[in-house]
Amino acid sequence: MSTHTVTASPAETCAPGRAARELGLKRSELDLAARLGRIRTVPDEGGGGRRIPCAEIDRLSAEPGFPEALRESVRTVGTREAAELMEVAPTRFTRFARAGLVVPVTFYLNRYRAVVWRYLADELRAFAAAPEHAGLLHGPTPQTLRGPLAAGLDLRARNWRGRHLGFLLRQAEDPWQRAGALASLLDPAHITEVVPDPYERAHLGRFRSAPPGHGTPGSPAALLAERIATADDPDEIAWLRADLTHALAEARDERPAPRLTTAATAAPALAPPAASPTAPPGERPPERGRLRLLGWLRRGGT
């Protein structure tokens, strides 16, 4: 944690569950609003995650149209609802999403482990209302899009990762946390190449965020979510690696990664065995002589 991190006491903040109730939101809606930067959060001084300042709840409660306007601002829709909202066929909307014209804000896996992308209703309404998009909505798909789409272009996962990275960077409060946010989207093999020092790599791992939870760790659903959250496009990987290199340089300047000292890593020298006391000539060592005397008495000696 940076020494400049500002934390608030529990009396000045609310736990996410309580904040969601006071704002009239579901917990998932509150989390999404926080990721989008629409609800300010602060670190818990006890290290228990993020909390919502009470002043932030008061601010949102005083806005016009509360709570309906706040709830609508984080409403998400799937492909069918999105197509209805934009008054296009679902197949056309899917082409928009694959081409990157609309960006998913979240996703989940259905019971068949198929990825279901969700989009912000507010953003779709704004897209449909823009005059420059009238041809896209009601005319033929431009040739510049038809070719890449026919070749299998699908930018939904990459665009979601870009959005997710923005959320991670907004919460980062020092260079190591920013580097950890970038590393969260890279495969461990790429991280090893960019960060060959094992001490730096271990320290960086403390700030990497796990993929969004979908199923128990190691389950097929969790592995699929991890694959979605890991960059796979060469250009995307190159960009992340370059940014990670730059972020690490800033992190080293501010606070080098902790290392074990030479004294701590060196094996302690073995102490020589204690020498047995040497008895003067003609005398036995006291302990040995006492043991022999006890044995003689047990045998009935007088």
C-alpha atoms as a PDB file:
ATOM      1  CA  MET A   1       0.000   0.000   0.000  1.00  0.00           C
ATOM      2  CA  SER A   2       1.161   3.472  -0.724  1.00  0.00           C
ATOM      3  CA  THR A   3       1.894   5.716   2.200  1.00  0.00           C
ATOM      4  CA  HIS A   4      -0.493   8.199   0.553  1.00  0.00           C
ATOM      5  CA  THR A   5      -3.497   5.876   0.724  1.00  0.00           C
ATOM      6  CA  VAL A   6      -6.468   7.519   2.433  1.00  0.00           C
ATOM      7  CA  THR A   7      -8.599   5.219   4.521  1.00  0.00           C
ATOM      8  CA  ALA A   8     -11.771   5.923   6.433  1.00  0.00           C
ATOM      9  CA  SER A   9     -12.849   4.592   9.787  1.00  0.00           C
ATOM     10  CA  PRO A  10     -15.775   2.137   9.940  1.00  0.00           C
ATOM     11  CA  ALA A  11     -17.939   4.880  11.497  1.00  0.00           C
ATOM     12  CA  GLU A  12     -17.498   6.991   8.339  1.00  0.00           C
ATOM     13  CA  THR A  13     -18.086   4.168   5.851  1.00  0.00           C
ATOM     14  CA  CYS A  14     -20.556   1.375   5.072  1.00  0.00           C
ATOM     15  CA  ALA A  15     -19.993  -2.235   4.151  1.00  0.00           C
ATOM     16  CA  PRO A  16     -21.053  -2.959   0.545  1.00  0.00           C
ATOM     17  CA  GLY A  17     -24.110  -4.962   1.617  1.00  0.00           C
ATOM     18  CA  ARG A  18     -25.502  -2.168   3.765  1.00  0.00           C
ATOM     19  CA  ALA A  19     -24.678   0.456   1.128  1.00  0.00           C
ATOM     20  CA  ALA A  20     -26.557  -1.558  -1.506  1.00  0.00           C
ATOM     21  CA  ARG A  21     -29.655  -1.673   0.714  1.00  0.00           C
ATOM     22  CA  GLU A  22     -29.547   2.055   1.430  1.00  0.00           C
ATOM     23  CA  LEU A  23     -29.119   2.872  -2.267  1.00  0.00           C
ATOM     24  CA  GLY A  24     -31.857   0.494  -3.400  1.00  0.00           C
ATOM     25  CA  LEU A  25     -29.449  -1.630  -5.460  1.00  0.00           C
ATOM     26  CA  LYS A  26     -28.696  -5.295  -5.713  1.00  0.00           C
ATOM     27  CA  ARG A  27     -25.202  -6.188  -4.571  1.00  0.00           C
ATOM     28  CA  SER A  28     -24.193  -6.995  -8.164  1.00  0.00           C
ATOM     29  CA  GLU A  29     -25.472  -3.567  -9.266  1.00  0.00           C
ATOM     30  CA  LEU A  30     -23.474  -1.850  -6.525  1.00  0.00           C
ATOM     31  CA  ASP A  31     -20.319  -3.716  -7.549  1.00  0.00           C
ATOM     32  CA  LEU A  32     -20.864  -2.728 -11.176  1.00  0.00           C
ATOM     33  CA  ALA A  33     -21.429   0.923 -10.245  1.00  0.00           C
ATOM     34  CA  ALA A  34     -18.170   0.868  -8.289  1.00  0.00           C
ATOM     35  CA  ARG A  35     -16.309  -0.684 -11.230  1.00  0.00           C
ATOM     36  CA  LEU A  36     -17.685   1.992 -13.532  1.00  0.00           C
ATOM     37  CA  GLY A  37     -16.544   4.710 -11.142  1.00  0.00           C
ATOM     38  CA  ARG A  38     -20.094   5.875 -10.402  1.00  0.00           C
ATOM     39  CA  ILE A  39     -19.828   5.050  -6.712  1.00  0.00           C
ATOM     40  CA  ARG A  40     -16.666   6.023  -4.887  1.00  0.00           C
ATOM     41  CA  THR A  41     -15.104   3.400  -2.646  1.00  0.00           C
ATOM     42  CA  VAL A  42     -12.200   3.523  -0.192  1.00  0.00           C
ATOM     43  CA  PRO A  43      -9.919   0.819   1.216  1.00  0.00           C
ATOM     44  CA  ASP A  44     -10.961  -0.730   4.503  1.00  0.00           C
ATOM     45  CA  GLU A  45      -8.431   0.287   7.159  1.00  0.00           C
ATOM     46  CA  GLY A  46      -8.728  -3.234   8.563  1.00  0.00           C
ATOM     47  CA  GLY A  47      -7.718  -4.770   5.256  1.00  0.00           C
ATOM     48  CA  GLY A  48     -11.158  -6.240   4.575  1.00  0.00           C
ATOM     49  CA  GLY A  49     -11.670  -4.949   1.035  1.00  0.00           C
ATOM     50  CA  ARG A  50     -13.457  -1.817  -0.158  1.00  0.00           C
ATOM     51  CA  ARG A  51     -16.078   0.224   1.697  1.00  0.00           C
ATOM     52  CA  ILE A  52     -18.432   3.008   0.665  1.00  0.00           C
ATOM     53  CA  PRO A  53     -18.157   6.368   2.441  1.00  0.00           C
ATOM     54  CA  CYS A  54     -21.381   7.469   4.142  1.00  0.00           C
ATOM     55  CA  ALA A  55     -20.943  10.850   2.464  1.00  0.00           C
ATOM     56  CA  GLU A  56     -21.080   9.101  -0.918  1.00  0.00           C
ATOM     57  CA  ILE A  57     -24.404   7.497  -0.019  1.00  0.00           C
ATOM     58  CA  ASP A  58     -25.741  10.905   1.028  1.00  0.00           C
ATOM     59  CA  ARG A  59     -24.562  12.443  -2.267  1.00  0.00           C
ATOM     60  CA  LEU A  60     -26.212   9.765  -4.402  1.00  0.00           C
ATOM     61  CA  SER A  61     -29.418   9.861  -2.361  1.00  0.00           C
ATOM     62  CA  ALA A  62     -29.742  13.608  -2.980  1.00  0.00           C
ATOM     63  CA  GLU A  63     -29.473  13.337  -6.783  1.00  0.00           C
ATOM     64  CA  PRO A  64     -32.612  13.882  -8.908  1.00  0.00           C
ATOM     65  CA  GLY A  65     -34.581  10.733  -9.692  1.00  0.00           C
ATOM     66  CA  PHE A  66     -33.020   8.672  -6.901  1.00  0.00           C
ATOM     67  CA  PRO A  67     -33.133   5.671  -6.677  1.00  0.00           C
ATOM     68  CA  GLU A  68     -34.645   4.856 -10.098  1.00  0.00           C
ATOM     69  CA  ALA A  69     -32.081   6.922 -12.026  1.00  0.00           C
ATOM     70  CA  LEU A  70     -29.161   5.269 -10.226  1.00  0.00           C
ATOM     71  CA  ARG A  71     -30.585   1.800 -10.783  1.00  0.00           C
ATOM     72  CA  GLU A  72     -31.210   2.500 -14.478  1.00  0.00           C
ATOM     73  CA  SER A  73     -27.647   3.789 -14.930  1.00  0.00           C
ATOM     74  CA  VAL A  74     -26.285   0.338 -14.099  1.00  0.00           C
ATOM     75  CA  ARG A  75     -28.963  -1.760 -15.809  1.00  0.00           C
ATOM     76  CA  THR A  76     -27.474  -4.365 -18.113  1.00  0.00           C
ATOM     77  CA  VAL A  77     -29.115  -6.303 -20.923  1.00  0.00           C
ATOM     78  CA  GLY A  78     -28.285  -9.390 -22.942  1.00  0.00           C
ATOM     79  CA  THR A  79     -28.271  -9.749 -26.720  1.00  0.00           C
ATOM     80  CA  ARG A  80     -32.036 -10.125 -27.191  1.00  0.00           C
ATOM     81  CA  GLU A  81     -32.939  -7.155 -24.973  1.00  0.00           C
ATOM     82  CA  ALA A  82     -30.118  -5.100 -26.491  1.00  0.00           C
ATOM     83  CA  ALA A  83     -31.440  -5.740 -30.000  1.00  0.00           C
ATOM     84  CA  GLU A  84     -34.941  -4.704 -28.930  1.00  0.00           C
ATOM     85  CA  LEU A  85     -33.586  -1.567 -27.291  1.00  0.00           C
ATOM     86  CA  MET A  86     -31.732  -0.580 -30.476  1.00  0.00           C
ATOM     87  CA  GLU A  87     -34.580  -1.802 -32.748  1.00  0.00           C
ATOM     88  CA  VAL A  88     -32.373  -4.145 -34.762  1.00  0.00           C
ATOM     89  CA  ALA A  89     -32.280  -7.893 -35.281  1.00  0.00           C
ATOM     90  CA  PRO A  90     -30.288  -9.904 -32.715  1.00  0.00           C
ATOM     91  CA  THR A  91     -27.923 -11.081 -35.469  1.00  0.00           C
ATOM     92  CA  ARG A  92     -27.139  -7.486 -36.409  1.00  0.00           C
ATOM     93  CA  PHE A  93     -26.524  -6.535 -32.806  1.00  0.00           C
ATOM     94  CA  THR A  94     -24.167  -9.518 -32.435  1.00  0.00           C
ATOM     95  CA  ARG A  95     -22.198  -8.233 -35.435  1.00  0.00           C
ATOM     96  CA  PHE A  96     -21.951  -4.835 -33.744  1.00  0.00           C
ATOM     97  CA  ALA A  97     -20.586  -6.454 -30.590  1.00  0.00           C
ATOM     98  CA  ARG A  98     -18.127  -8.727 -32.407  1.00  0.00           C
ATOM     99  CA  ALA A  99     -16.830  -5.742 -34.381  1.00  0.00           C
ATOM    100  CA  GLY A 100     -16.283  -3.754 -31.178  1.00  0.00           C
ATOM    101  CA  LEU A 101     -18.902  -1.089 -31.858  1.00  0.00           C
ATOM    102  CA  VAL A 102     -20.558  -1.841 -28.521  1.00  0.00           C
ATOM    103  CA  VAL A 103     -18.577  -3.051 -25.525  1.00  0.00           C
ATOM    104  CA  PRO A 104     -19.777  -5.585 -22.944  1.00  0.00           C
ATOM    105  CA  VAL A 105     -19.577  -4.491 -19.345  1.00  0.00           C
ATOM    106  CA  THR A 106     -19.823  -7.922 -17.720  1.00  0.00           C
ATOM    107  CA  PHE A 107     -20.496 -11.571 -18.514  1.00  0.00           C
ATOM    108  CA  TYR A 108     -21.625 -14.797 -16.930  1.00  0.00           C
ATOM    109  CA  LEU A 109     -21.626 -18.469 -17.861  1.00  0.00           C
ATOM    110  CA  ASN A 110     -24.951 -20.202 -18.305  1.00  0.00           C
ATOM    111  CA  ARG A 111     -25.651 -23.797 -17.300  1.00  0.00           C
ATOM    112  CA  TYR A 112     -24.155 -24.995 -20.584  1.00  0.00           C
ATOM    113  CA  ARG A 113     -20.989 -22.994 -19.823  1.00  0.00           C
ATOM    114  CA  ALA A 114     -21.679 -20.684 -22.745  1.00  0.00           C
ATOM    115  CA  VAL A 115     -20.548 -17.078 -22.301  1.00  0.00           C
ATOM    116  CA  VAL A 116     -23.431 -14.609 -21.982  1.00  0.00           C
ATOM    117  CA  TRP A 117     -22.294 -11.019 -22.504  1.00  0.00           C
ATOM    118  CA  ARG A 118     -24.124  -8.133 -20.843  1.00  0.00           C
ATOM    119  CA  TYR A 119     -24.205  -4.510 -22.018  1.00  0.00           C
ATOM    120  CA  LEU A 120     -25.112  -1.224 -20.368  1.00  0.00           C
ATOM    121  CA  ALA A 121     -28.580  -0.160 -21.483  1.00  0.00           C
ATOM    122  CA  ASP A 122     -27.587   3.524 -21.221  1.00  0.00           C
ATOM    123  CA  GLU A 123     -24.707   3.053 -23.658  1.00  0.00           C
ATOM    124  CA  LEU A 124     -26.873   1.199 -26.172  1.00  0.00           C
ATOM    125  CA  ARG A 125     -29.495   3.945 -26.120  1.00  0.00           C
ATOM    126  CA  ALA A 126     -26.787   6.551 -26.718  1.00  0.00           C
ATOM    127  CA  PHE A 127     -25.359   4.506 -29.606  1.00  0.00           C
ATOM    128  CA  ALA A 128     -28.768   4.133 -31.253  1.00  0.00           C
ATOM    129  CA  ALA A 129     -29.564   7.839 -30.825  1.00  0.00           C
ATOM    130  CA  ALA A 130     -26.369   9.065 -32.506  1.00  0.00           C
ATOM    131  CA  PRO A 131     -27.170  10.321 -36.054  1.00  0.00           C
ATOM    132  CA  GLU A 132     -23.904   8.934 -37.456  1.00  0.00           C
ATOM    133  CA  HIS A 133     -25.016   5.396 -36.591  1.00  0.00           C
ATOM    134  CA  ALA A 134     -28.264   5.486 -38.577  1.00  0.00           C
ATOM    135  CA  GLY A 135     -26.670   3.705 -41.540  1.00  0.00           C
ATOM    136  CA  LEU A 136     -25.264   0.965 -39.327  1.00  0.00           C
ATOM    137  CA  LEU A 137     -28.621   0.370 -37.691  1.00  0.00           C
ATOM    138  CA  HIS A 138     -30.779   0.213 -40.781  1.00  0.00           C
ATOM    139  CA  GLY A 139     -28.513  -0.085 -43.812  1.00  0.00           C
ATOM    140  CA  PRO A 140     -26.275  -2.881 -45.102  1.00  0.00           C
ATOM    141  CA  THR A 141     -23.208  -3.814 -43.070  1.00  0.00           C
ATOM    142  CA  PRO A 142     -20.209  -1.860 -44.412  1.00  0.00           C
ATOM    143  CA  GLN A 143     -17.680  -3.858 -46.413  1.00  0.00           C
ATOM    144  CA  THR A 144     -14.956  -2.795 -43.976  1.00  0.00           C
ATOM    145  CA  LEU A 145     -16.755  -4.844 -41.317  1.00  0.00           C
ATOM    146  CA  ARG A 146     -18.060  -7.712 -43.436  1.00  0.00           C
ATOM    147  CA  GLY A 147     -14.609  -9.016 -44.338  1.00  0.00           C
ATOM    148  CA  PRO A 148     -13.159  -9.173 -40.801  1.00  0.00           C
ATOM    149  CA  LEU A 149     -16.424 -10.578 -39.404  1.00  0.00           C
ATOM    150  CA  ALA A 150     -16.460 -13.315 -42.036  1.00  0.00           C
ATOM    151  CA  ALA A 151     -12.864 -14.134 -41.052  1.00  0.00           C
ATOM    152  CA  GLY A 152     -13.943 -14.657 -37.429  1.00  0.00           C
ATOM    153  CA  LEU A 153     -13.334 -11.252 -35.853  1.00  0.00           C
ATOM    154  CA  ASP A 154     -14.685 -11.147 -32.276  1.00  0.00           C
ATOM    155  CA  LEU A 155     -13.549  -8.299 -30.026  1.00  0.00           C
ATOM    156  CA  ARG A 156     -16.005  -8.883 -27.179  1.00  0.00           C
ATOM    157  CA  ALA A 157     -13.544 -10.554 -24.787  1.00  0.00           C
ATOM    158  CA  ARG A 158     -10.720  -8.135 -25.593  1.00  0.00           C
ATOM    159  CA  ASN A 159     -12.954  -5.090 -25.145  1.00  0.00           C
ATOM    160  CA  TRP A 160     -14.275  -6.471 -21.858  1.00  0.00           C
ATOM    161  CA  ARG A 161     -10.663  -6.946 -20.668  1.00  0.00           C
ATOM    162  CA  GLY A 162      -9.899  -3.322 -21.533  1.00  0.00           C
ATOM    163  CA  ARG A 163     -12.862  -2.205 -19.493  1.00  0.00           C
ATOM    164  CA  HIS A 164     -11.910  -4.487 -16.604  1.00  0.00           C
ATOM    165  CA  LEU A 165      -8.346  -3.152 -16.653  1.00  0.00           C
ATOM    166  CA  GLY A 166      -9.691   0.386 -16.366  1.00  0.00           C
ATOM    167  CA  PHE A 167     -11.517  -0.651 -13.197  1.00  0.00           C
ATOM    168  CA  LEU A 168      -8.382  -2.226 -11.724  1.00  0.00           C
ATOM    169  CA  LEU A 169      -6.287   0.839 -12.524  1.00  0.00           C
ATOM    170  CA  ARG A 170      -8.849   3.174 -10.929  1.00  0.00           C
ATOM    171  CA  GLN A 171      -8.497   1.256  -7.673  1.00  0.00           C
ATOM    172  CA  ALA A 172      -4.682   1.128  -7.827  1.00  0.00           C
ATOM    173  CA  GLU A 173      -3.065   3.553  -5.403  1.00  0.00           C
ATOM    174  CA  ASP A 174       0.653   3.103  -6.032  1.00  0.00           C
ATOM    175  CA  PRO A 175       2.954   1.917  -8.864  1.00  0.00           C
ATOM    176  CA  TRP A 176       3.107  -1.680  -7.592  1.00  0.00           C
ATOM    177  CA  GLN A 177      -0.675  -1.921  -7.616  1.00  0.00           C
ATOM    178  CA  ARG A 178      -0.794  -0.457 -11.128  1.00  0.00           C
ATOM    179  CA  ALA A 179       1.783  -3.016 -12.253  1.00  0.00           C
ATOM    180  CA  GLY A 180      -0.290  -5.750 -10.599  1.00  0.00           C
ATOM    181  CA  ALA A 181      -3.384  -4.595 -12.488  1.00  0.00           C
ATOM    182  CA  LEU A 182      -1.563  -4.914 -15.810  1.00  0.00           C
ATOM    183  CA  ALA A 183      -0.116  -8.297 -14.843  1.00  0.00           C
ATOM    184  CA  SER A 184      -3.614  -9.550 -13.997  1.00  0.00           C
ATOM    185  CA  LEU A 185      -4.396  -9.832 -17.715  1.00  0.00           C
ATOM    186  CA  LEU A 186      -1.165 -11.575 -18.723  1.00  0.00           C
ATOM    187  CA  ASP A 187      -0.344 -15.251 -18.809  1.00  0.00           C
ATOM    188  CA  PRO A 188       2.226 -16.291 -16.146  1.00  0.00           C
ATOM    189  CA  ALA A 189       4.707 -17.164 -18.915  1.00  0.00           C
ATOM    190  CA  HIS A 190       4.660 -13.573 -20.194  1.00  0.00           C
ATOM    191  CA  ILE A 191       5.045 -12.241 -16.651  1.00  0.00           C
ATOM    192  CA  THR A 192       8.129 -14.420 -16.158  1.00  0.00           C
ATOM    193  CA  GLU A 193       9.676 -12.983 -19.332  1.00  0.00           C
ATOM    194  CA  VAL A 194       8.941  -9.374 -18.348  1.00  0.00           C
ATOM    195  CA  VAL A 195       9.856  -9.874 -14.664  1.00  0.00           C
ATOM    196  CA  PRO A 196      12.738 -12.393 -14.531  1.00  0.00           C
ATOM    197  CA  ASP A 197      13.669 -11.483 -10.938  1.00  0.00           C
ATOM    198  CA  PRO A 198      11.900 -13.995  -8.647  1.00  0.00           C
ATOM    199  CA  TYR A 199      11.705 -11.528  -5.727  1.00  0.00           C
ATOM    200  CA  GLU A 200      10.022  -8.886  -7.883  1.00  0.00           C
ATOM    201  CA  ARG A 201       7.723 -11.490  -9.404  1.00  0.00           C
ATOM    202  CA  ALA A 202       6.650 -12.721  -5.966  1.00  0.00           C
ATOM    203  CA  HIS A 203       6.032  -9.147  -4.798  1.00  0.00           C
ATOM    204  CA  LEU A 204       4.085  -8.345  -7.970  1.00  0.00           C
ATOM    205  CA  GLY A 205       1.924 -11.427  -7.402  1.00  0.00           C
ATOM    206  CA  ARG A 206       0.560  -9.837  -4.208  1.00  0.00           C
ATOM    207  CA  PHE A 207      -1.129  -7.151  -6.335  1.00  0.00           C
ATOM    208  CA  ARG A 208      -2.454  -9.303  -9.184  1.00  0.00           C
ATOM    209  CA  SER A 209      -6.225  -9.586  -9.181  1.00  0.00           C
ATOM    210  CA  ALA A 210      -7.850 -12.965  -9.642  1.00  0.00           C
ATOM    211  CA  PRO A 211     -10.267 -13.358 -12.569  1.00  0.00           C
ATOM    212  CA  PRO A 212     -13.913 -12.638 -11.773  1.00  0.00           C
ATOM    213  CA  GLY A 213     -15.338 -15.567  -9.844  1.00  0.00           C
ATOM    214  CA  HIS A 214     -17.268 -18.071 -11.950  1.00  0.00           C
ATOM    215  CA  GLY A 215     -17.451 -21.439 -10.253  1.00  0.00           C
ATOM    216  CA  THR A 216     -15.120 -23.079  -7.777  1.00  0.00           C
ATOM    217  CA  PRO A 217     -11.364 -22.762  -8.440  1.00  0.00           C
ATOM    218  CA  GLY A 218     -10.181 -25.341 -10.938  1.00  0.00           C
ATOM    219  CA  SER A 219     -13.673 -26.078 -12.248  1.00  0.00           C
ATOM    220  CA  PRO A 220     -14.377 -25.898 -16.009  1.00  0.00           C
ATOM    221  CA  ALA A 221     -16.362 -22.681 -15.485  1.00  0.00           C
ATOM    222  CA  ALA A 222     -13.505 -21.072 -13.521  1.00  0.00           C
ATOM    223  CA  LEU A 223     -10.964 -22.106 -16.165  1.00  0.00           C
ATOM    224  CA  LEU A 224     -13.130 -20.633 -18.909  1.00  0.00           C
ATOM    225  CA  ALA A 225     -13.474 -17.344 -16.999  1.00  0.00           C
ATOM    226  CA  GLU A 226      -9.702 -17.291 -16.503  1.00  0.00           C
ATOM    227  CA  ARG A 227      -9.198 -17.772 -20.239  1.00  0.00           C
ATOM    228  CA  ILE A 228     -11.530 -14.859 -21.011  1.00  0.00           C
ATOM    229  CA  ALA A 229      -9.630 -12.667 -18.521  1.00  0.00           C
ATOM    230  CA  THR A 230      -6.214 -13.478 -20.054  1.00  0.00           C
ATOM    231  CA  ALA A 231      -4.975 -11.518 -23.077  1.00  0.00           C
ATOM    232  CA  ASP A 232      -4.616 -13.682 -26.176  1.00  0.00           C
ATOM    233  CA  ASP A 233      -4.268 -11.186 -29.024  1.00  0.00           C
ATOM    234  CA  PRO A 234      -0.606 -10.499 -30.005  1.00  0.00           C
ATOM    235  CA  ASP A 235      -1.141  -6.723 -30.180  1.00  0.00           C
ATOM    236  CA  GLU A 236      -2.915  -6.697 -26.828  1.00  0.00           C
ATOM    237  CA  ILE A 237      -0.167  -8.788 -25.227  1.00  0.00           C
ATOM    238  CA  ALA A 238       2.563  -6.534 -26.619  1.00  0.00           C
ATOM    239  CA  TRP A 239       0.774  -3.433 -25.302  1.00  0.00           C
ATOM    240  CA  LEU A 240       0.311  -4.946 -21.843  1.00  0.00           C
ATOM    241  CA  ARG A 241       3.940  -6.078 -21.668  1.00  0.00           C
ATOM    242  CA  ALA A 242       5.200  -2.625 -22.625  1.00  0.00           C
ATOM    243  CA  ASP A 243       2.960  -0.938 -20.042  1.00  0.00           C
ATOM    244  CA  LEU A 244       3.974  -3.465 -17.386  1.00  0.00           C
ATOM    245  CA  THR A 245       7.660  -2.771 -18.065  1.00  0.00           C
ATOM    246  CA  HIS A 246       7.055   0.964 -17.647  1.00  0.00           C
ATOM    247  CA  ALA A 247       4.971   0.490 -14.488  1.00  0.00           C
ATOM    248  CA  LEU A 248       7.643  -1.738 -12.945  1.00  0.00           C
ATOM    249  CA  ALA A 249      10.313   0.893 -13.561  1.00  0.00           C
ATOM    250  CA  GLU A 250       8.200   3.412 -11.634  1.00  0.00           C
ATOM    251  CA  ALA A 251       7.526   0.877  -8.875  1.00  0.00           C
ATOM    252  CA  ARG A 252      11.242   0.101  -8.415  1.00  0.00           C
ATOM    253  CA  ASP A 253      12.045   3.803  -8.152  1.00  0.00           C
ATOM    254  CA  GLU A 254       9.431   4.348  -5.469  1.00  0.00           C
ATOM    255  CA  ARG A 255       9.882   1.155  -3.454  1.00  0.00           C
ATOM    256  CA  PRO A 256      12.073  -1.789  -4.480  1.00  0.00           C
ATOM    257  CA  ALA A 257      10.675  -5.260  -3.980  1.00  0.00           C
ATOM    258  CA  PRO A 258      11.645  -6.739  -0.590  1.00  0.00           C
ATOM    259  CA  ARG A 259      14.461  -9.259  -0.605  1.00  0.00           C
ATOM    260  CA  LEU A 260      15.879 -11.713   1.906  1.00  0.00           C
ATOM    261  CA  THR A 261      19.196 -10.502   3.286  1.00  0.00           C
ATOM    262  CA  THR A 262      22.381 -12.534   2.952  1.00  0.00           C
ATOM    263  CA  ALA A 263      22.485 -13.085   6.693  1.00  0.00           C
ATOM    264  CA  ALA A 264      18.936 -14.446   6.692  1.00  0.00           C
ATOM    265  CA  THR A 265      19.539 -16.796   3.776  1.00  0.00           C
ATOM    266  CA  ALA A 266      22.886 -18.155   4.955  1.00  0.00           C
ATOM    267  CA  ALA A 267      22.633 -21.486   6.756  1.00  0.00           C
ATOM    268  CA  PRO A 268      23.626 -21.134  10.412  1.00  0.00           C
ATOM    269  CA  ALA A 269      26.937 -22.775  11.278  1.00  0.00           C
ATOM    270  CA  LEU A 270      26.597 -25.954  13.265  1.00  0.00           C
ATOM    271  CA  ALA A 271      27.920 -25.584  16.791  1.00  0.00           C
ATOM    272  CA  PRO A 272      30.713 -28.050  17.599  1.00  0.00           C
ATOM    273  CA  PRO A 273      29.655 -30.824  19.939  1.00  0.00           C
ATOM    274  CA  ALA A 274      30.353 -30.053  23.563  1.00  0.00           C
ATOM    275  CA  ALA A 275      33.512 -31.762  24.757  1.00  0.00           C
ATOM    276  CA  SER A 276      33.085 -34.290  27.509  1.00  0.00           C
ATOM    277  CA  PRO A 277      34.735 -33.234  30.713  1.00  0.00           C
ATOM    278  CA  THR A 278      38.084 -34.886  31.080  1.00  0.00           C
ATOM    279  CA  ALA A 279      38.718 -36.540  34.429  1.00  0.00           C
ATOM    280  CA  PRO A 280      42.142 -36.376  35.991  1.00  0.00           C
ATOM    281  CA  PRO A 281      44.270 -39.512  35.626  1.00  0.00           C
ATOM    282  CA  GLY A 282      43.049 -42.298  37.832  1.00  0.00           C
ATOM    283  CA  GLU A 283      39.558 -40.787  38.302  1.00  0.00           C
ATOM    284  CA  ARG A 284      36.320 -41.458  36.430  1.00  0.00           C
ATOM    285  CA  PRO A 285      34.036 -38.659  35.241  1.00  0.00           C
ATOM    286  CA  PRO A 286      31.525 -37.899  37.999  1.00  0.00           C
ATOM    287  CA  GLU A 287      28.400 -38.836  36.014  1.00  0.00           C
ATOM    288  CA  ARG A 288      29.808 -42.107  34.734  1.00  0.00           C
ATOM    289  CA  GLY A 289      31.067 -43.076  38.218  1.00  0.00           C
ATOM    290  CA  ARG A 290      27.645 -42.353  39.731  1.00  0.00           C
ATOM    291  CA  LEU A 291      25.882 -44.586  37.184  1.00  0.00           C
ATOM    292  CA  ARG A 292      28.312 -47.455  37.900  1.00  0.00           C
ATOM    293  CA  LEU A 293      27.732 -47.096  41.656  1.00  0.00           C
ATOM    294  CA  LEU A 294      23.924 -47.271  41.213  1.00  0.00           C
ATOM    295  CA  GLY A 295      24.240 -50.424  39.136  1.00  0.00           C
ATOM    296  CA  TRP A 296      26.484 -52.084  41.776  1.00  0.00           C
ATOM    297  CA  LEU A 297      23.977 -51.275  44.552  1.00  0.00           C
ATOM    298  CA  ARG A 298      21.089 -52.800  42.539  1.00  0.00           C
ATOM    299  CA  ARG A 299      23.087 -56.014  42.264  1.00  0.00           C
ATOM    300  CA  GLY A 300      23.244 -56.217  46.092  1.00  0.00           C
ATOM    301  CA  GLY A 301      26.700 -54.776  46.669  1.00  0.00           C
ATOM    302  CA  THR A 302      27.657 -53.804  50.218  1.00  0.00           C
END
